[in-house]
Amino acid sequence: MKFGSDSYSHEECCSQGHSSASTIATIEAALSADPDLDSSAITIRMLGPVVLLEGYITKIVDRERAISLAAMIVGPQNVQDRMLGRFPTQ
């Protein structure tokens, strides 16, 4: 699954009319489409060209997967992880 392109940066894309709302919607769709990721408590915000992943995760692999999916869309340099872990007690 490829959501981004290596031929241009996210800043260039956004400067050509790609809105924050469409970037957020694309990332939300990518997170929701991943059957192995529980993204129900993850929120996405933008601060300039930077995507902020906030909220809660219940598995460490969810953090890694959410960051990876967002990075495919906006580039790894434009993803900021602010997710907190809520791990079930055993």
PDB file of N, CA and C in Angstrom:
ATOM      1  N   MET A   1       0.847  -1.168   0.000  1.00  0.00           N
ATOM      2  CA  MET A   1       0.000   0.000   0.000  1.00  0.00           C
ATOM      3  C   MET A   1       0.895   1.234   0.000  1.00  0.00           C
ATOM      4  N   LYS A   2       0.742   2.100  -0.985  1.00  0.00           N
ATOM      5  CA  LYS A   2       1.571   3.293  -1.071  1.00  0.00           C
ATOM      6  C   LYS A   2       0.666   4.509  -1.122  1.00  0.00           C
ATOM      7  N   PHE A   3       0.862   5.414  -0.159  1.00  0.00           N
ATOM      8  CA  PHE A   3       0.030   6.604  -0.083  1.00  0.00           C
ATOM      9  C   PHE A   3       0.778   7.860  -0.492  1.00  0.00           C
ATOM     10  N   GLY A   4       2.088   7.850  -0.380  1.00  0.00           N
ATOM     11  CA  GLY A   4       2.879   9.028  -0.701  1.00  0.00           C
ATOM     12  C   GLY A   4       3.684   8.812  -1.959  1.00  0.00           C
ATOM     13  N   SER A   5       4.491   9.788  -2.258  1.00  0.00           N
ATOM     14  CA  SER A   5       5.375   9.670  -3.405  1.00  0.00           C
ATOM     15  C   SER A   5       6.746  10.173  -3.008  1.00  0.00           C
ATOM     16  N   ASP A   6       7.766   9.468  -3.444  1.00  0.00           N
ATOM     17  CA  ASP A   6       9.123   9.866  -3.136  1.00  0.00           C
ATOM     18  C   ASP A   6       9.611  10.986  -4.049  1.00  0.00           C
ATOM     19  N   SER A   7       8.838  11.372  -5.039  1.00  0.00           N
ATOM     20  CA  SER A   7       9.310  12.337  -6.014  1.00  0.00           C
ATOM     21  C   SER A   7       9.173  13.785  -5.551  1.00  0.00           C
ATOM     22  N   TYR A   8       8.436  14.034  -4.485  1.00  0.00           N
ATOM     23  CA  TYR A   8       8.309  15.392  -3.973  1.00  0.00           C
ATOM     24  C   TYR A   8       8.078  15.350  -2.479  1.00  0.00           C
ATOM     25  N   SER A   9       8.368  16.469  -1.823  1.00  0.00           N
ATOM     26  CA  SER A   9       8.196  16.518  -0.371  1.00  0.00           C
ATOM     27  C   SER A   9       6.770  16.925  -0.020  1.00  0.00           C
ATOM     28  N   HIS A  10       6.420  16.720   1.213  1.00  0.00           N
ATOM     29  CA  HIS A  10       5.091  17.092   1.687  1.00  0.00           C
ATOM     30  C   HIS A  10       4.885  18.603   1.596  1.00  0.00           C
ATOM     31  N   GLU A  11       5.922  19.385   1.892  1.00  0.00           N
ATOM     32  CA  GLU A  11       5.804  20.841   1.818  1.00  0.00           C
ATOM     33  C   GLU A  11       5.461  21.279   0.403  1.00  0.00           C
ATOM     34  N   GLU A  12       6.112  20.665  -0.602  1.00  0.00           N
ATOM     35  CA  GLU A  12       5.830  21.007  -1.985  1.00  0.00           C
ATOM     36  C   GLU A  12       4.391  20.655  -2.336  1.00  0.00           C
ATOM     37  N   CYS A  13       3.944  19.519  -1.866  1.00  0.00           N
ATOM     38  CA  CYS A  13       2.580  19.086  -2.140  1.00  0.00           C
ATOM     39  C   CYS A  13       1.578  20.058  -1.523  1.00  0.00           C
ATOM     40  N   CYS A  14       1.790  20.408  -0.273  1.00  0.00           N
ATOM     41  CA  CYS A  14       0.870  21.321   0.408  1.00  0.00           C
ATOM     42  C   CYS A  14       0.891  22.709  -0.219  1.00  0.00           C
ATOM     43  N   SER A  15       2.055  23.160  -0.681  1.00  0.00           N
ATOM     44  CA  SER A  15       2.125  24.476  -1.294  1.00  0.00           C
ATOM     45  C   SER A  15       1.367  24.503  -2.626  1.00  0.00           C
ATOM     46  N   GLN A  16       1.049  23.330  -3.165  1.00  0.00           N
ATOM     47  CA  GLN A  16       0.306  23.251  -4.414  1.00  0.00           C
ATOM     48  C   GLN A  16      -1.186  23.052  -4.166  1.00  0.00           C
ATOM     49  N   GLY A  17      -1.676  23.380  -2.971  1.00  0.00           N
ATOM     50  CA  GLY A  17      -3.101  23.347  -2.713  1.00  0.00           C
ATOM     51  C   GLY A  17      -3.593  22.139  -1.940  1.00  0.00           C
ATOM     52  N   HIS A  18      -2.715  21.259  -1.537  1.00  0.00           N
ATOM     53  CA  HIS A  18      -3.105  20.085  -0.748  1.00  0.00           C
ATOM     54  C   HIS A  18      -3.381  20.559   0.670  1.00  0.00           C
ATOM     55  N   SER A  19      -4.630  20.519   1.103  1.00  0.00           N
ATOM     56  CA  SER A  19      -4.998  21.104   2.382  1.00  0.00           C
ATOM     57  C   SER A  19      -4.701  20.191   3.559  1.00  0.00           C
ATOM     58  N   SER A  20      -4.613  20.800   4.730  1.00  0.00           N
ATOM     59  CA  SER A  20      -4.429  20.035   5.959  1.00  0.00           C
ATOM     60  C   SER A  20      -5.572  19.058   6.156  1.00  0.00           C
ATOM     61  N   ALA A  21      -6.782  19.486   5.840  1.00  0.00           N
ATOM     62  CA  ALA A  21      -7.947  18.616   6.018  1.00  0.00           C
ATOM     63  C   ALA A  21      -7.841  17.367   5.146  1.00  0.00           C
ATOM     64  N   SER A  22      -7.378  17.520   3.924  1.00  0.00           N
ATOM     65  CA  SER A  22      -7.260  16.344   3.056  1.00  0.00           C
ATOM     66  C   SER A  22      -6.112  15.451   3.507  1.00  0.00           C
ATOM     67  N   THR A  23      -5.038  16.036   4.031  1.00  0.00           N
ATOM     68  CA  THR A  23      -3.935  15.233   4.563  1.00  0.00           C
ATOM     69  C   THR A  23      -4.417  14.425   5.762  1.00  0.00           C
ATOM     70  N   ILE A  24      -5.138  15.076   6.660  1.00  0.00           N
ATOM     71  CA  ILE A  24      -5.675  14.391   7.837  1.00  0.00           C
ATOM     72  C   ILE A  24      -6.620  13.276   7.410  1.00  0.00           C
ATOM     73  N   ALA A  25      -7.497  13.570   6.455  1.00  0.00           N
ATOM     74  CA  ALA A  25      -8.454  12.558   5.981  1.00  0.00           C
ATOM     75  C   ALA A  25      -7.737  11.368   5.351  1.00  0.00           C
ATOM     76  N   THR A  26      -6.675  11.630   4.609  1.00  0.00           N
ATOM     77  CA  THR A  26      -5.911  10.542   3.980  1.00  0.00           C
ATOM     78  C   THR A  26      -5.255   9.664   5.037  1.00  0.00           C
ATOM     79  N   ILE A  27      -4.670  10.289   6.046  1.00  0.00           N
ATOM     80  CA  ILE A  27      -4.032   9.518   7.122  1.00  0.00           C
ATOM     81  C   ILE A  27      -5.071   8.745   7.914  1.00  0.00           C
ATOM     82  N   GLU A  28      -6.195   9.379   8.241  1.00  0.00           N
ATOM     83  CA  GLU A  28      -7.268   8.670   8.962  1.00  0.00           C
ATOM     84  C   GLU A  28      -7.742   7.461   8.174  1.00  0.00           C
ATOM     85  N   ALA A  29      -7.895   7.625   6.869  1.00  0.00           N
ATOM     86  CA  ALA A  29      -8.336   6.506   6.032  1.00  0.00           C
ATOM     87  C   ALA A  29      -7.310   5.379   6.038  1.00  0.00           C
ATOM     88  N   ALA A  30      -6.031   5.740   5.963  1.00  0.00           N
ATOM     89  CA  ALA A  30      -4.974   4.724   5.974  1.00  0.00           C
ATOM     90  C   ALA A  30      -4.951   3.972   7.304  1.00  0.00           C
ATOM     91  N   LEU A  31      -5.089   4.692   8.412  1.00  0.00           N
ATOM     92  CA  LEU A  31      -5.099   4.042   9.725  1.00  0.00           C
ATOM     93  C   LEU A  31      -6.323   3.138   9.878  1.00  0.00           C
ATOM     94  N   SER A  32      -7.472   3.621   9.443  1.00  0.00           N
ATOM     95  CA  SER A  32      -8.705   2.836   9.559  1.00  0.00           C
ATOM     96  C   SER A  32      -8.686   1.603   8.668  1.00  0.00           C
ATOM     97  N   ALA A  33      -8.007   1.698   7.529  1.00  0.00           N
ATOM     98  CA  ALA A  33      -7.984   0.589   6.575  1.00  0.00           C
ATOM     99  C   ALA A  33      -7.064  -0.548   7.011  1.00  0.00           C
ATOM    100  N   ASP A  34      -6.179  -0.286   7.954  1.00  0.00           N
ATOM    101  CA  ASP A  34      -5.238  -1.317   8.393  1.00  0.00           C
ATOM    102  C   ASP A  34      -5.933  -2.246   9.383  1.00  0.00           C
ATOM    103  N   PRO A  35      -6.152  -3.514   9.012  1.00  0.00           N
ATOM    104  CA  PRO A  35      -6.897  -4.427   9.884  1.00  0.00           C
ATOM    105  C   PRO A  35      -6.131  -4.810  11.154  1.00  0.00           C
ATOM    106  N   ASP A  36      -4.819  -4.599  11.171  1.00  0.00           N
ATOM    107  CA  ASP A  36      -4.020  -4.960  12.341  1.00  0.00           C
ATOM    108  C   ASP A  36      -3.806  -3.798  13.299  1.00  0.00           C
ATOM    109  N   LEU A  37      -4.390  -2.647  13.012  1.00  0.00           N
ATOM    110  CA  LEU A  37      -4.173  -1.443  13.812  1.00  0.00           C
ATOM    111  C   LEU A  37      -5.468  -0.988  14.460  1.00  0.00           C
ATOM    112  N   ASP A  38      -5.429  -0.810  15.780  1.00  0.00           N
ATOM    113  CA  ASP A  38      -6.571  -0.219  16.488  1.00  0.00           C
ATOM    114  C   ASP A  38      -6.319   1.280  16.575  1.00  0.00           C
ATOM    115  N   SER A  39      -6.917   2.031  15.673  1.00  0.00           N
ATOM    116  CA  SER A  39      -6.700   3.481  15.615  1.00  0.00           C
ATOM    117  C   SER A  39      -7.870   4.258  16.205  1.00  0.00           C
ATOM    118  N   SER A  40      -8.759   3.579  16.911  1.00  0.00           N
ATOM    119  CA  SER A  40      -9.977   4.218  17.411  1.00  0.00           C
ATOM    120  C   SER A  40      -9.711   5.353  18.392  1.00  0.00           C
ATOM    121  N   ALA A  41      -8.592   5.333  19.098  1.00  0.00           N
ATOM    122  CA  ALA A  41      -8.286   6.383  20.075  1.00  0.00           C
ATOM    123  C   ALA A  41      -7.122   7.270  19.623  1.00  0.00           C
ATOM    124  N   ILE A  42      -6.781   7.216  18.340  1.00  0.00           N
ATOM    125  CA  ILE A  42      -5.712   8.052  17.805  1.00  0.00           C
ATOM    126  C   ILE A  42      -6.341   9.232  17.075  1.00  0.00           C
ATOM    127  N   THR A  43      -5.890  10.426  17.416  1.00  0.00           N
ATOM    128  CA  THR A  43      -6.346  11.623  16.713  1.00  0.00           C
ATOM    129  C   THR A  43      -5.181  12.206  15.922  1.00  0.00           C
ATOM    130  N   ILE A  44      -5.520  12.885  14.852  1.00  0.00           N
ATOM    131  CA  ILE A  44      -4.516  13.450  13.956  1.00  0.00           C
ATOM    132  C   ILE A  44      -4.766  14.947  13.858  1.00  0.00           C
ATOM    133  N   ARG A  45      -3.701  15.709  14.095  1.00  0.00           N
ATOM    134  CA  ARG A  45      -3.754  17.159  13.925  1.00  0.00           C
ATOM    135  C   ARG A  45      -2.559  17.572  13.080  1.00  0.00           C
ATOM    136  N   MET A  46      -2.624  18.774  12.554  1.00  0.00           N
ATOM    137  CA  MET A  46      -1.495  19.293  11.780  1.00  0.00           C
ATOM    138  C   MET A  46      -1.048  20.603  12.386  1.00  0.00           C
ATOM    139  N   LEU A  47       0.255  20.758  12.423  1.00  0.00           N
ATOM    140  CA  LEU A  47       0.883  21.997  12.851  1.00  0.00           C
ATOM    141  C   LEU A  47       1.834  22.378  11.726  1.00  0.00           C
ATOM    142  N   GLY A  48       1.365  23.218  10.821  1.00  0.00           N
ATOM    143  CA  GLY A  48       2.119  23.493   9.600  1.00  0.00           C
ATOM    144  C   GLY A  48       2.199  22.218   8.787  1.00  0.00           C
ATOM    145  N   PRO A  49       3.395  21.842   8.346  1.00  0.00           N
ATOM    146  CA  PRO A  49       3.531  20.615   7.558  1.00  0.00           C
ATOM    147  C   PRO A  49       3.665  19.357   8.418  1.00  0.00           C
ATOM    148  N   VAL A  50       3.676  19.535   9.742  1.00  0.00           N
ATOM    149  CA  VAL A  50       3.909  18.413  10.651  1.00  0.00           C
ATOM    150  C   VAL A  50       2.592  17.778  11.083  1.00  0.00           C
ATOM    151  N   VAL A  51       2.534  16.461  10.977  1.00  0.00           N
ATOM    152  CA  VAL A  51       1.379  15.688  11.428  1.00  0.00           C
ATOM    153  C   VAL A  51       1.628  15.278  12.877  1.00  0.00           C
ATOM    154  N   LEU A  52       0.674  15.585  13.740  1.00  0.00           N
ATOM    155  CA  LEU A  52       0.750  15.195  15.144  1.00  0.00           C
ATOM    156  C   LEU A  52      -0.173  14.007  15.367  1.00  0.00           C
ATOM    157  N   LEU A  53       0.395  12.881  15.786  1.00  0.00           N
ATOM    158  CA  LEU A  53      -0.397  11.708  16.138  1.00  0.00           C
ATOM    159  C   LEU A  53      -0.563  11.738  17.647  1.00  0.00           C
ATOM    160  N   GLU A  54      -1.806  11.888  18.088  1.00  0.00           N
ATOM    161  CA  GLU A  54      -2.095  12.019  19.512  1.00  0.00           C
ATOM    162  C   GLU A  54      -3.144  10.996  19.912  1.00  0.00           C
ATOM    163  N   GLY A  55      -3.309  10.827  21.195  1.00  0.00           N
ATOM    164  CA  GLY A  55      -4.306   9.899  21.701  1.00  0.00           C
ATOM    165  C   GLY A  55      -3.648   8.731  22.394  1.00  0.00           C
ATOM    166  N   TYR A  56      -4.309   7.587  22.317  1.00  0.00           N
ATOM    167  CA  TYR A  56      -3.877   6.423  23.079  1.00  0.00           C
ATOM    168  C   TYR A  56      -3.758   5.186  22.202  1.00  0.00           C
ATOM    169  N   ILE A  57      -2.782   4.363  22.563  1.00  0.00           N
ATOM    170  CA  ILE A  57      -2.608   3.067  21.913  1.00  0.00           C
ATOM    171  C   ILE A  57      -2.636   1.997  22.997  1.00  0.00           C
ATOM    172  N   THR A  58      -3.001   0.779  22.610  1.00  0.00           N
ATOM    173  CA  THR A  58      -3.035  -0.323  23.573  1.00  0.00           C
ATOM    174  C   THR A  58      -1.976  -1.370  23.282  1.00  0.00           C
ATOM    175  N   LYS A  59      -1.266  -1.217  22.150  1.00  0.00           N
ATOM    176  CA  LYS A  59      -0.177  -2.139  21.799  1.00  0.00           C
ATOM    177  C   LYS A  59       0.970  -1.327  21.224  1.00  0.00           C
ATOM    178  N   ILE A  60       2.194  -1.722  21.548  1.00  0.00           N
ATOM    179  CA  ILE A  60       3.368  -1.016  21.037  1.00  0.00           C
ATOM    180  C   ILE A  60       3.392  -1.060  19.509  1.00  0.00           C
ATOM    181  N   VAL A  61       2.988  -2.173  18.930  1.00  0.00           N
ATOM    182  CA  VAL A  61       2.997  -2.281  17.467  1.00  0.00           C
ATOM    183  C   VAL A  61       2.033  -1.291  16.818  1.00  0.00           C
ATOM    184  N   ASP A  62       0.980  -0.873  17.547  1.00  0.00           N
ATOM    185  CA  ASP A  62       0.064   0.131  17.011  1.00  0.00           C
ATOM    186  C   ASP A  62       0.783   1.460  16.821  1.00  0.00           C
ATOM    187  N   ARG A  63       1.654   1.826  17.753  1.00  0.00           N
ATOM    188  CA  ARG A  63       2.424   3.069  17.629  1.00  0.00           C
ATOM    189  C   ARG A  63       3.290   3.016  16.365  1.00  0.00           C
ATOM    190  N   GLU A  64       4.027   1.934  16.235  1.00  0.00           N
ATOM    191  CA  GLU A  64       4.935   1.792  15.096  1.00  0.00           C
ATOM    192  C   GLU A  64       4.178   1.811  13.775  1.00  0.00           C
ATOM    193  N   ARG A  65       3.044   1.147  13.739  1.00  0.00           N
ATOM    194  CA  ARG A  65       2.261   1.068  12.498  1.00  0.00           C
ATOM    195  C   ARG A  65       1.650   2.421  12.152  1.00  0.00           C
ATOM    196  N   ALA A  66       1.111   3.129  13.137  1.00  0.00           N
ATOM    197  CA  ALA A  66       0.509   4.443  12.879  1.00  0.00           C
ATOM    198  C   ALA A  66       1.558   5.431  12.371  1.00  0.00           C
ATOM    199  N   ILE A  67       2.725   5.430  12.982  1.00  0.00           N
ATOM    200  CA  ILE A  67       3.794   6.318  12.547  1.00  0.00           C
ATOM    201  C   ILE A  67       4.222   5.963  11.126  1.00  0.00           C
ATOM    202  N   SER A  68       4.357   4.678  10.848  1.00  0.00           N
ATOM    203  CA  SER A  68       4.775   4.222   9.528  1.00  0.00           C
ATOM    204  C   SER A  68       3.776   4.636   8.448  1.00  0.00           C
ATOM    205  N   LEU A  69       2.494   4.447   8.721  1.00  0.00           N
ATOM    206  CA  LEU A  69       1.475   4.816   7.734  1.00  0.00           C
ATOM    207  C   LEU A  69       1.459   6.322   7.485  1.00  0.00           C
ATOM    208  N   ALA A  70       1.531   7.111   8.553  1.00  0.00           N
ATOM    209  CA  ALA A  70       1.549   8.572   8.394  1.00  0.00           C
ATOM    210  C   ALA A  70       2.797   9.006   7.634  1.00  0.00           C
ATOM    211  N   ALA A  71       3.932   8.367   7.917  1.00  0.00           N
ATOM    212  CA  ALA A  71       5.187   8.720   7.247  1.00  0.00           C
ATOM    213  C   ALA A  71       5.136   8.417   5.759  1.00  0.00           C
ATOM    214  N   MET A  72       4.407   7.385   5.355  1.00  0.00           N
ATOM    215  CA  MET A  72       4.264   7.087   3.927  1.00  0.00           C
ATOM    216  C   MET A  72       3.531   8.212   3.204  1.00  0.00           C
ATOM    217  N   ILE A  73       2.710   8.937   3.929  1.00  0.00           N
ATOM    218  CA  ILE A  73       1.900   9.989   3.314  1.00  0.00           C
ATOM    219  C   ILE A  73       2.620  11.335   3.322  1.00  0.00           C
ATOM    220  N   VAL A  74       3.239  11.694   4.457  1.00  0.00           N
ATOM    221  CA  VAL A  74       3.841  13.023   4.577  1.00  0.00           C
ATOM    222  C   VAL A  74       5.357  13.009   4.725  1.00  0.00           C
ATOM    223  N   GLY A  75       5.944  11.830   4.790  1.00  0.00           N
ATOM    224  CA  GLY A  75       7.388  11.727   4.981  1.00  0.00           C
ATOM    225  C   GLY A  75       7.727  11.609   6.456  1.00  0.00           C
ATOM    226  N   PRO A  76       8.728  10.829   6.783  1.00  0.00           N
ATOM    227  CA  PRO A  76       9.051  10.574   8.191  1.00  0.00           C
ATOM    228  C   PRO A  76       9.462  11.821   8.965  1.00  0.00           C
ATOM    229  N   GLN A  77      10.043  12.797   8.289  1.00  0.00           N
ATOM    230  CA  GLN A  77      10.460  14.013   8.970  1.00  0.00           C
ATOM    231  C   GLN A  77       9.277  14.886   9.379  1.00  0.00           C
ATOM    232  N   ASN A  78       8.091  14.583   8.874  1.00  0.00           N
ATOM    233  CA  ASN A  78       6.910  15.393   9.159  1.00  0.00           C
ATOM    234  C   ASN A  78       5.909  14.699  10.075  1.00  0.00           C
ATOM    235  N   VAL A  79       6.347  13.677  10.818  1.00  0.00           N
ATOM    236  CA  VAL A  79       5.451  12.963  11.734  1.00  0.00           C
ATOM    237  C   VAL A  79       5.963  13.132  13.157  1.00  0.00           C
ATOM    238  N   GLN A  80       5.100  13.606  14.033  1.00  0.00           N
ATOM    239  CA  GLN A  80       5.432  13.774  15.441  1.00  0.00           C
ATOM    240  C   GLN A  80       4.540  12.845  16.272  1.00  0.00           C
ATOM    241  N   ASP A  81       5.148  11.960  17.030  1.00  0.00           N
ATOM    242  CA  ASP A  81       4.424  10.996  17.861  1.00  0.00           C
ATOM    243  C   ASP A  81       4.151  11.589  19.238  1.00  0.00           C
ATOM    244  N   ARG A  82       2.874  11.754  19.556  1.00  0.00           N
ATOM    245  CA  ARG A  82       2.454  12.209  20.881  1.00  0.00           C
ATOM    246  C   ARG A  82       1.450  11.227  21.492  1.00  0.00           C
ATOM    247  N   MET A  83       1.496   9.992  21.027  1.00  0.00           N
ATOM    248  CA  MET A  83       0.560   8.988  21.519  1.00  0.00           C
ATOM    249  C   MET A  83       1.036   8.453  22.874  1.00  0.00           C
ATOM    250  N   LEU A  84       0.085   8.169  23.723  1.00  0.00           N
ATOM    251  CA  LEU A  84       0.364   7.596  25.041  1.00  0.00           C
ATOM    252  C   LEU A  84      -0.091   6.144  25.065  1.00  0.00           C
ATOM    253  N   GLY A  85       0.638   5.336  25.800  1.00  0.00           N
ATOM    254  CA  GLY A  85       0.286   3.929  25.902  1.00  0.00           C
ATOM    255  C   GLY A  85      -0.674   3.672  27.052  1.00  0.00           C
ATOM    256  N   ARG A  86      -1.712   2.927  26.772  1.00  0.00           N
ATOM    257  CA  ARG A  86      -2.654   2.421  27.780  1.00  0.00           C
ATOM    258  C   ARG A  86      -2.669   0.915  27.604  1.00  0.00           C
ATOM    259  N   PHE A  87      -1.748   0.267  28.296  1.00  0.00           N
ATOM    260  CA  PHE A  87      -1.589  -1.161  28.116  1.00  0.00           C
ATOM    261  C   PHE A  87      -2.407  -1.893  29.166  1.00  0.00           C
ATOM    262  N   PRO A  88      -3.184  -2.889  28.739  1.00  0.00           N
ATOM    263  CA  PRO A  88      -4.016  -3.646  29.683  1.00  0.00           C
ATOM    264  C   PRO A  88      -3.133  -4.384  30.707  1.00  0.00           C
ATOM    265  N   THR A  89      -3.596  -4.374  31.935  1.00  0.00           N
ATOM    266  CA  THR A  89      -2.883  -5.113  32.977  1.00  0.00           C
ATOM    267  C   THR A  89      -3.199  -6.591  32.853  1.00  0.00           C
ATOM    268  N   GLN A  90      -2.242  -7.399  33.148  1.00  0.00           N
ATOM    269  CA  GLN A  90      -2.403  -8.845  32.976  1.00  0.00           C
ATOM    270  C   GLN A  90      -2.770  -9.494  34.284  1.00  0.00           C
TER     271      GLN A  90
END
